[in-house]
Amino acid sequence: MSTVRFRSCAFVAILLVSACDKKKDEAAEKGAEPPTTATPAAPAAATGDQIAFASGAMFFKSADGTVKSWGVGSLVGDAPAEPRLKPGAVADLANTKRLAVGGGQTMCAAMNDGSVKCWGNGASGELGDGKENEIDKPVVVPDVTNATAVAIGTYHVCALIGDGTVKCWGNNGFQQASVEKKEKFVTPTAVPGITDAVLITAGGDTSCALGKDGSVKCWGFRCSFDQATDCSKPATIAALAGATDIAAGWQSLCAVDKDAAVQCWGKNDEGQLGSGNTDSIDALSPVKGVSGATAVAAGQMHWCALIKDGTVQCWGSNEYGQLGDGTLPEADKNEFRATAAPVKGVADAVALSCGSGTCCAQIKDKSVKCWGENSSFFGEANEETSNVATPIVVTVQ
């Protein structure tokens, strides 16, 4: 693990509008790509327990469709008067099918009736209600029916529809919300050329869909490792034919290929590609040391993979201990590891979710283990702990 640089603006999850967020807004106005997180939206068939994150909030959806949340800030979902350190039910999210993945300043949920609800920041039209404002309780997104999953990028949102099509809305500076024209879409618009998707993901200014035949199509910024690719329309990543999972992070993307290896492309300044170095790579790059992968999850600058034996391996930034290897960097420094290694103390994991600097694994015995940046995520029993380098059990119900 190497010390790479000091950060002038670390992501602080407990603040909805922080100094980082202001810099993100300024970057967006200049055409830059501000950080976000994202992990892939689950296929329509996945209706079990689920962990999800947003800025300052953590969510647990039970198999019965109830949702509990806790944390600090307006994204908790029901506008609590004070920070909530214990899981509390969100009445407006009863009968939830799937929570969105990749939530940052905005959060959404696909409901059992096929509708989508969103709340939080809507300055770029992320709430899909035709307005550009901020709302601290879920509102129904118009013109979306039969939705099965939702994915959120930095300032855009996409919904997977039951017939395999995709609708997106929000910022479209890199045509990540629609391929037709570069402008904001404050209400949902269909993405042309996507007809058989079973999974979607959004991260930064990129969106991707995994087809039922294992094909991968992406659009928006860095839609392909091939710089000559036209990203203004969904581009097929032929080298990933037969993929079983895909996730979009901030300027990097990873997929589980047909051989259960993890292949990545994009930004690599903190070892996000898991290639063993920080060299820029204009090709698919296999993550060293990872085999038997069943899923991938992206943080802001780190990645983790769920392995078929129930273990988890992570690589990239370790600023908050989010690699789960028991190490923390010195104060005000960020360290990274450019190769994958196992997360300590995690076995029999059945699902994996990551936020900006945090990850949680759902264990076969129904427990949940989390590591990385705490920021009130880990509940009342762990409120004194800022960053957790070795996974701890977190109460989610």
Protein backbone atom coordinates (compact mmCIF):
# COMPACT_ATOMS: atom_id res chain seq x y z
CA MET A 1 0.00 0.00 0.00
CA SER A 2 1.41 3.39 -0.97
CA THR A 3 0.76 6.89 0.25
CA VAL A 4 -0.20 8.88 -2.82
CA ARG A 5 -1.43 12.33 -1.89
CA PHE A 6 -3.23 14.59 0.54
CA ARG A 7 -6.86 15.33 -0.18
CA SER A 8 -8.04 18.90 0.00
CA CYS A 9 -11.68 17.88 -0.11
CA ALA A 10 -12.50 14.42 1.21
CA PHE A 11 -16.03 13.17 0.67
CA VAL A 12 -17.96 13.69 3.91
CA ALA A 13 -21.06 11.54 3.83
CA ILE A 14 -22.84 13.20 6.73
CA LEU A 15 -23.28 16.48 4.90
CA LEU A 16 -25.72 16.84 2.04
CA VAL A 17 -24.20 20.12 0.93
CA SER A 18 -20.57 20.27 1.98
CA ALA A 19 -17.51 22.01 0.64
CA CYS A 20 -17.02 18.95 -1.53
CA ASP A 21 -20.53 19.22 -2.92
CA LYS A 22 -19.94 22.85 -3.81
CA LYS A 23 -16.79 21.88 -5.67
CA LYS A 24 -18.73 19.11 -7.38
CA ASP A 25 -21.31 21.65 -8.56
CA GLU A 26 -18.57 23.96 -9.82
CA ALA A 27 -16.91 21.04 -11.59
CA ALA A 28 -20.17 20.07 -13.25
CA GLU A 29 -20.63 23.60 -14.58
CA LYS A 30 -17.16 23.42 -16.11
CA GLY A 31 -17.81 20.04 -17.69
CA ALA A 32 -15.70 18.02 -15.25
CA GLU A 33 -16.85 14.76 -13.70
CA PRO A 34 -17.43 15.04 -9.93
CA PRO A 35 -17.15 11.94 -7.76
CA THR A 36 -20.06 9.63 -7.17
CA THR A 37 -20.63 6.09 -6.22
CA ALA A 38 -22.44 3.38 -7.71
CA THR A 39 -23.07 -0.32 -7.61
CA PRO A 40 -25.24 -2.27 -10.15
CA ALA A 41 -29.01 -2.30 -9.85
CA ALA A 42 -30.25 -5.80 -9.17
CA PRO A 43 -32.17 -7.83 -11.75
CA ALA A 44 -35.94 -7.73 -11.49
CA ALA A 45 -36.03 -11.16 -9.86
CA ALA A 46 -34.05 -9.97 -6.83
CA THR A 47 -36.59 -9.11 -4.14
CA GLY A 48 -34.76 -10.04 -0.92
CA ASP A 49 -33.02 -7.96 1.73
CA GLN A 50 -30.93 -5.06 0.45
CA ILE A 51 -28.46 -2.49 1.82
CA ALA A 52 -28.16 0.91 0.11
CA PHE A 53 -26.40 4.22 0.75
CA ALA A 54 -26.95 7.91 0.08
CA SER A 55 -25.11 10.98 1.30
CA GLY A 56 -25.38 10.84 5.09
CA ALA A 57 -27.85 7.95 5.15
CA MET A 58 -27.96 4.17 5.07
CA PHE A 59 -30.98 2.03 4.21
CA PHE A 60 -32.10 -1.54 4.78
CA LYS A 61 -34.91 -3.00 2.71
CA SER A 62 -36.47 -6.19 4.03
CA ALA A 63 -37.88 -8.92 1.82
CA ASP A 64 -41.38 -7.80 2.84
CA GLY A 65 -40.81 -4.40 1.20
CA THR A 66 -40.39 -2.32 4.35
CA VAL A 67 -37.50 0.15 4.47
CA LYS A 68 -35.62 1.41 7.51
CA SER A 69 -33.09 4.24 7.42
CA TRP A 70 -30.66 6.00 9.72
CA GLY A 71 -27.98 8.66 9.52
CA VAL A 72 -27.70 12.44 9.30
CA GLY A 73 -29.23 14.86 6.81
CA SER A 74 -32.24 15.18 4.55
CA LEU A 75 -31.71 11.95 2.62
CA VAL A 76 -32.83 9.74 5.51
CA GLY A 77 -36.20 9.87 3.75
CA ASP A 78 -38.72 11.11 6.30
CA ALA A 79 -37.19 14.41 7.42
CA PRO A 80 -36.32 13.48 11.04
CA ALA A 81 -35.80 16.47 13.33
CA GLU A 82 -32.54 15.04 14.68
CA PRO A 83 -29.87 12.62 13.46
CA ARG A 84 -31.13 9.04 13.63
CA LEU A 85 -28.63 6.52 14.97
CA LYS A 86 -31.07 3.62 15.08
CA PRO A 87 -32.94 2.15 12.09
CA GLY A 88 -36.39 3.72 11.75
CA ALA A 89 -39.18 2.83 9.32
CA VAL A 90 -39.80 5.18 6.37
CA ALA A 91 -43.57 5.16 5.88
CA ASP A 92 -43.46 6.54 2.33
CA LEU A 93 -41.24 3.62 1.27
CA ALA A 94 -43.51 0.79 2.37
CA ASN A 95 -43.87 -1.81 -0.41
CA THR A 96 -40.46 -1.10 -1.95
CA LYS A 97 -39.21 -3.53 -4.58
CA ARG A 98 -35.60 -2.31 -4.84
CA LEU A 99 -33.71 0.66 -3.48
CA ALA A 100 -31.59 2.59 -5.93
CA VAL A 101 -27.88 1.95 -6.07
CA GLY A 102 -25.32 4.70 -6.35
CA GLY A 103 -27.24 7.25 -4.30
CA GLY A 104 -25.23 10.41 -3.55
CA GLN A 105 -27.15 13.65 -3.11
CA THR A 106 -30.26 11.99 -4.54
CA MET A 107 -31.98 8.75 -3.59
CA CYS A 108 -34.71 6.72 -5.31
CA ALA A 109 -36.63 3.47 -4.96
CA ALA A 110 -38.54 1.21 -7.33
CA MET A 111 -41.87 0.33 -5.73
CA ASN A 112 -43.87 -2.89 -5.89
CA ASP A 113 -46.58 -1.15 -7.93
CA GLY A 114 -44.03 -0.33 -10.66
CA SER A 115 -43.65 3.34 -9.80
CA VAL A 116 -40.42 5.10 -8.83
CA LYS A 117 -40.03 7.51 -5.92
CA CYS A 118 -37.12 9.94 -5.51
CA TRP A 119 -36.02 12.53 -2.97
CA GLY A 120 -33.05 14.75 -2.18
CA ASN A 121 -31.24 17.02 -4.61
CA GLY A 122 -33.12 17.77 -7.82
CA ALA A 123 -31.17 20.78 -9.12
CA SER A 124 -30.44 18.98 -12.40
CA GLY A 125 -33.83 17.33 -12.66
CA GLU A 126 -32.82 14.19 -10.74
CA LEU A 127 -36.24 13.92 -9.08
CA GLY A 128 -37.89 13.55 -12.48
CA ASP A 129 -40.92 15.59 -11.46
CA GLY A 130 -40.41 18.38 -13.96
CA LYS A 131 -38.88 20.69 -11.37
CA GLU A 132 -35.36 21.57 -10.26
CA ASN A 133 -35.55 21.67 -6.48
CA GLU A 134 -34.78 19.72 -3.32
CA ILE A 135 -37.28 17.52 -1.48
CA ASP A 136 -36.64 15.64 1.77
CA LYS A 137 -39.45 13.09 1.37
CA PRO A 138 -40.08 10.64 -1.50
CA VAL A 139 -42.16 11.88 -4.45
CA VAL A 140 -43.48 9.79 -7.35
CA VAL A 141 -41.63 10.23 -10.64
CA PRO A 142 -44.21 10.76 -13.42
CA ASP A 143 -44.30 8.71 -16.63
CA VAL A 144 -42.52 5.69 -15.14
CA THR A 145 -44.49 2.46 -14.83
CA ASN A 146 -43.52 -1.19 -14.40
CA ALA A 147 -40.07 -0.20 -13.06
CA THR A 148 -38.01 -2.99 -11.52
CA ALA A 149 -34.79 -1.19 -10.49
CA VAL A 150 -33.17 2.25 -10.30
CA ALA A 151 -29.56 3.42 -10.61
CA ILE A 152 -28.15 6.87 -9.81
CA GLY A 153 -25.14 8.68 -11.26
CA THR A 154 -23.74 11.99 -10.07
CA TYR A 155 -26.62 14.10 -11.36
CA HIS A 156 -28.75 11.67 -13.37
CA VAL A 157 -31.05 8.73 -12.69
CA CYS A 158 -32.06 5.70 -14.77
CA ALA A 159 -34.90 3.21 -14.25
CA LEU A 160 -35.06 -0.33 -15.59
CA ILE A 161 -38.50 -1.12 -16.98
CA GLY A 162 -40.02 -4.59 -16.87
CA ASP A 163 -40.01 -4.94 -20.66
CA GLY A 164 -36.21 -4.51 -20.79
CA THR A 165 -36.20 -0.84 -21.77
CA VAL A 166 -34.58 1.98 -19.80
CA LYS A 167 -35.72 5.51 -18.97
CA CYS A 168 -33.36 8.21 -17.66
CA TRP A 169 -33.60 11.79 -16.46
CA GLY A 170 -31.42 14.55 -15.00
CA ASN A 171 -28.14 16.06 -16.19
CA ASN A 172 -27.22 15.08 -19.74
CA GLY A 173 -23.98 16.97 -20.37
CA PHE A 174 -22.28 13.77 -21.56
CA GLN A 175 -25.51 12.25 -22.90
CA GLN A 176 -25.64 9.94 -19.91
CA ALA A 177 -29.39 10.42 -19.47
CA SER A 178 -30.42 10.20 -23.12
CA VAL A 179 -28.56 9.86 -26.38
CA GLU A 180 -30.69 12.31 -28.33
CA LYS A 181 -29.44 15.73 -27.26
CA LYS A 182 -27.24 17.37 -24.65
CA GLU A 183 -29.58 19.09 -22.23
CA LYS A 184 -31.22 18.44 -18.88
CA PHE A 185 -34.15 16.06 -18.86
CA VAL A 186 -36.32 17.01 -15.88
CA THR A 187 -38.77 14.24 -16.73
CA PRO A 188 -38.02 10.65 -17.81
CA THR A 189 -37.03 9.93 -21.41
CA ALA A 190 -36.54 6.54 -23.07
CA VAL A 191 -33.01 5.49 -24.01
CA PRO A 192 -33.01 4.33 -27.66
CA GLY A 193 -31.47 0.98 -28.48
CA ILE A 194 -31.99 -0.69 -25.10
CA THR A 195 -34.67 -3.38 -25.35
CA ASP A 196 -33.62 -6.44 -23.33
CA ALA A 197 -31.87 -5.12 -20.21
CA VAL A 198 -31.97 -7.14 -17.00
CA LEU A 199 -29.62 -4.94 -14.97
CA ILE A 200 -28.61 -1.27 -15.06
CA THR A 201 -25.90 0.79 -13.43
CA ALA A 202 -25.02 4.48 -13.37
CA GLY A 203 -21.95 6.21 -12.02
CA GLY A 204 -20.44 9.63 -12.58
CA ASP A 205 -21.64 10.61 -16.04
CA THR A 206 -21.95 7.07 -17.42
CA SER A 207 -24.84 4.63 -17.70
CA CYS A 208 -24.76 0.94 -18.67
CA ALA A 209 -27.21 -1.89 -19.23
CA LEU A 210 -26.60 -5.63 -19.09
CA GLY A 211 -28.73 -7.56 -21.58
CA LYS A 212 -30.35 -10.91 -20.91
CA ASP A 213 -27.89 -12.42 -23.40
CA GLY A 214 -24.91 -11.11 -21.39
CA SER A 215 -24.22 -8.19 -23.71
CA VAL A 216 -23.06 -4.90 -22.20
CA LYS A 217 -24.05 -1.49 -23.57
CA CYS A 218 -22.87 1.82 -22.12
CA TRP A 219 -23.43 5.48 -22.96
CA GLY A 220 -22.15 8.81 -21.63
CA PHE A 221 -18.65 9.64 -20.38
CA ARG A 222 -16.02 6.85 -20.69
CA CYS A 223 -18.61 4.49 -22.14
CA SER A 224 -15.80 2.27 -23.46
CA PHE A 225 -12.10 1.61 -23.01
CA ASP A 226 -11.76 2.32 -26.75
CA GLN A 227 -11.31 6.08 -27.08
CA ALA A 228 -12.69 5.98 -30.63
CA THR A 229 -16.11 4.76 -29.45
CA ASP A 230 -19.08 7.05 -30.09
CA CYS A 231 -20.50 7.45 -26.58
CA SER A 232 -23.45 9.59 -27.68
CA LYS A 233 -25.45 6.38 -28.14
CA PRO A 234 -25.40 3.02 -26.35
CA ALA A 235 -22.15 1.33 -27.36
CA THR A 236 -21.77 -2.45 -27.19
CA ILE A 237 -18.65 -3.60 -25.32
CA ALA A 238 -18.00 -6.69 -27.42
CA ALA A 239 -15.12 -7.89 -25.24
CA LEU A 240 -17.55 -8.32 -22.34
CA ALA A 241 -19.97 -10.64 -24.13
CA GLY A 242 -21.39 -13.09 -21.62
CA ALA A 243 -20.88 -10.79 -18.61
CA THR A 244 -22.90 -11.53 -15.48
CA ASP A 245 -22.56 -8.22 -13.60
CA ILE A 246 -21.41 -4.67 -14.26
CA ALA A 247 -20.98 -1.54 -12.16
CA ALA A 248 -20.11 2.07 -12.95
CA GLY A 249 -18.07 4.11 -10.51
CA TRP A 250 -16.54 7.56 -10.84
CA GLN A 251 -14.64 7.45 -14.15
CA SER A 252 -14.05 3.71 -13.86
CA LEU A 253 -16.19 0.70 -14.70
CA CYS A 254 -15.86 -2.98 -13.86
CA ALA A 255 -17.67 -6.13 -14.95
CA VAL A 256 -17.72 -9.79 -14.01
CA ASP A 257 -16.95 -11.59 -17.26
CA LYS A 258 -18.09 -14.99 -18.49
CA ASP A 259 -15.13 -16.65 -16.76
CA ALA A 260 -15.96 -15.07 -13.35
CA ALA A 261 -12.94 -12.75 -13.56
CA VAL A 262 -13.32 -9.00 -13.04
CA GLN A 263 -12.40 -6.71 -15.94
CA CYS A 264 -12.13 -2.92 -15.51
CA TRP A 265 -11.36 0.22 -17.48
CA GLY A 266 -11.11 3.96 -16.85
CA LYS A 267 -9.37 6.12 -14.27
CA ASN A 268 -6.59 4.40 -12.32
CA ASP A 269 -4.81 7.04 -10.24
CA GLU A 270 -5.54 5.19 -6.99
CA GLY A 271 -5.35 1.64 -8.24
CA GLN A 272 -9.08 1.44 -9.07
CA LEU A 273 -8.42 -0.98 -11.93
CA GLY A 274 -6.65 -3.47 -9.68
CA SER A 275 -3.88 -3.87 -12.24
CA GLY A 276 -1.02 -3.70 -9.75
CA ASN A 277 -0.06 -0.14 -10.71
CA THR A 278 -1.57 3.27 -11.47
CA ASP A 279 -0.83 3.35 -15.19
CA SER A 280 -3.57 4.54 -17.53
CA ILE A 281 -4.82 1.61 -19.60
CA ASP A 282 -6.70 1.92 -22.90
CA ALA A 283 -7.96 -1.64 -22.77
CA LEU A 284 -9.91 -3.96 -20.52
CA SER A 285 -7.72 -4.72 -17.53
CA PRO A 286 -8.21 -7.85 -15.40
CA VAL A 287 -8.12 -7.30 -11.65
CA LYS A 288 -5.14 -9.24 -10.36
CA GLY A 289 -5.87 -11.97 -7.86
CA VAL A 290 -9.64 -12.10 -8.38
CA SER A 291 -11.32 -15.26 -9.65
CA GLY A 292 -14.68 -16.86 -9.00
CA ALA A 293 -16.39 -13.46 -8.74
CA THR A 294 -20.18 -13.27 -8.67
CA ALA A 295 -20.67 -9.49 -8.26
CA VAL A 296 -18.80 -6.18 -8.18
CA ALA A 297 -19.53 -3.02 -6.18
CA ALA A 298 -18.04 0.45 -6.55
CA GLY A 299 -17.19 3.08 -3.98
CA GLN A 300 -15.96 6.55 -4.82
CA MET A 301 -12.38 5.48 -5.48
CA HIS A 302 -12.38 1.79 -4.52
CA TRP A 303 -13.93 -1.45 -5.70
CA CYS A 304 -14.92 -4.74 -4.09
CA ALA A 305 -15.90 -8.12 -5.51
CA LEU A 306 -18.07 -10.82 -3.98
CA ILE A 307 -16.49 -14.25 -4.47
CA LYS A 308 -18.50 -17.45 -4.88
CA ASP A 309 -16.98 -18.90 -1.68
CA GLY A 310 -18.58 -16.06 0.31
CA THR A 311 -15.46 -13.97 0.77
CA VAL A 312 -14.98 -10.38 -0.42
CA GLN A 313 -11.92 -8.83 -2.06
CA CYS A 314 -11.27 -5.09 -2.41
CA TRP A 315 -8.78 -2.77 -4.10
CA GLY A 316 -8.19 0.95 -4.72
CA SER A 317 -8.36 3.81 -2.22
CA ASN A 318 -8.15 3.05 1.50
CA GLU A 319 -8.64 6.59 2.79
CA TYR A 320 -11.30 5.49 5.29
CA GLY A 321 -10.28 1.86 5.76
CA GLN A 322 -12.74 0.80 3.05
CA LEU A 323 -10.50 -2.03 1.84
CA GLY A 324 -11.31 -3.84 5.09
CA ASP A 325 -7.79 -5.18 5.55
CA GLY A 326 -7.32 -3.81 9.07
CA THR A 327 -5.20 -0.81 8.08
CA LEU A 328 -5.92 2.93 8.25
CA PRO A 329 -3.80 5.70 6.70
CA GLU A 330 -2.16 8.44 8.72
CA ALA A 331 -4.33 11.49 9.41
CA ASP A 332 -5.16 13.61 6.34
CA LYS A 333 -3.56 11.11 3.99
CA ASN A 334 -5.00 8.71 1.50
CA GLU A 335 -3.45 5.34 0.80
CA PHE A 336 -4.36 2.81 -1.83
CA ARG A 337 -3.70 -0.76 -2.84
CA ALA A 338 -3.59 -1.48 -6.57
CA THR A 339 -4.20 -5.22 -6.19
CA ALA A 340 -7.12 -7.09 -4.68
CA ALA A 341 -6.91 -8.72 -1.25
CA PRO A 342 -9.48 -10.36 1.05
CA VAL A 343 -11.55 -8.36 3.51
CA LYS A 344 -10.78 -9.58 7.02
CA GLY A 345 -13.45 -11.47 8.92
CA VAL A 346 -15.99 -11.78 6.10
CA ALA A 347 -17.11 -15.27 5.13
CA ASP A 348 -20.42 -16.66 3.88
CA ALA A 349 -21.36 -13.31 2.33
CA VAL A 350 -24.37 -13.46 0.01
CA ALA A 351 -24.61 -9.81 -1.08
CA LEU A 352 -22.36 -6.76 -1.22
CA SER A 353 -23.07 -3.01 -1.24
CA CYS A 354 -20.69 -0.05 -1.25
CA GLY A 355 -21.08 3.67 -0.68
CA SER A 356 -18.50 6.40 -1.15
CA GLY A 357 -15.99 5.15 1.42
CA THR A 358 -18.04 2.38 3.00
CA CYS A 359 -18.97 -1.22 2.21
CA CYS A 360 -21.32 -3.73 3.81
CA ALA A 361 -21.70 -7.45 3.29
CA GLN A 362 -24.90 -9.33 3.99
CA ILE A 363 -24.00 -12.65 5.60
CA LYS A 364 -25.74 -15.99 5.17
CA ASP A 365 -26.87 -15.94 8.82
CA LYS A 366 -28.77 -12.65 8.12
CA SER A 367 -26.20 -10.48 9.91
CA VAL A 368 -24.60 -7.45 8.25
CA LYS A 369 -20.93 -6.53 8.49
CA CYS A 370 -19.65 -3.09 7.47
CA TRP A 371 -16.30 -1.35 7.18
CA GLY A 372 -14.83 1.96 6.06
CA GLU A 373 -16.16 5.45 6.75
CA ASN A 374 -18.63 5.39 9.63
CA SER A 375 -20.34 8.83 9.53
CA SER A 376 -23.24 7.56 11.69
CA PHE A 377 -23.87 4.69 9.29
CA PHE A 378 -22.92 2.01 11.77
CA GLY A 379 -25.52 2.95 14.36
CA GLU A 380 -25.75 4.06 17.95
CA ALA A 381 -23.52 1.28 19.29
CA ASN A 382 -20.66 2.44 17.06
CA GLU A 383 -21.16 6.21 17.00
CA GLU A 384 -17.78 6.89 18.61
CA THR A 385 -15.92 5.19 15.78
CA SER A 386 -15.09 7.36 12.77
CA ASN A 387 -13.45 4.90 10.42
CA VAL A 388 -13.49 1.12 10.68
CA ALA A 389 -10.69 -0.84 9.04
CA THR A 390 -11.94 -4.29 10.06
CA PRO A 391 -15.60 -5.25 9.49
CA ILE A 392 -18.00 -4.93 12.42
CA VAL A 393 -21.55 -6.19 12.86
CA VAL A 394 -24.14 -3.45 12.27
CA THR A 395 -27.75 -3.57 13.45
CA VAL A 396 -30.04 -2.89 10.49
CA GLN A 397 -33.48 -3.80 11.89
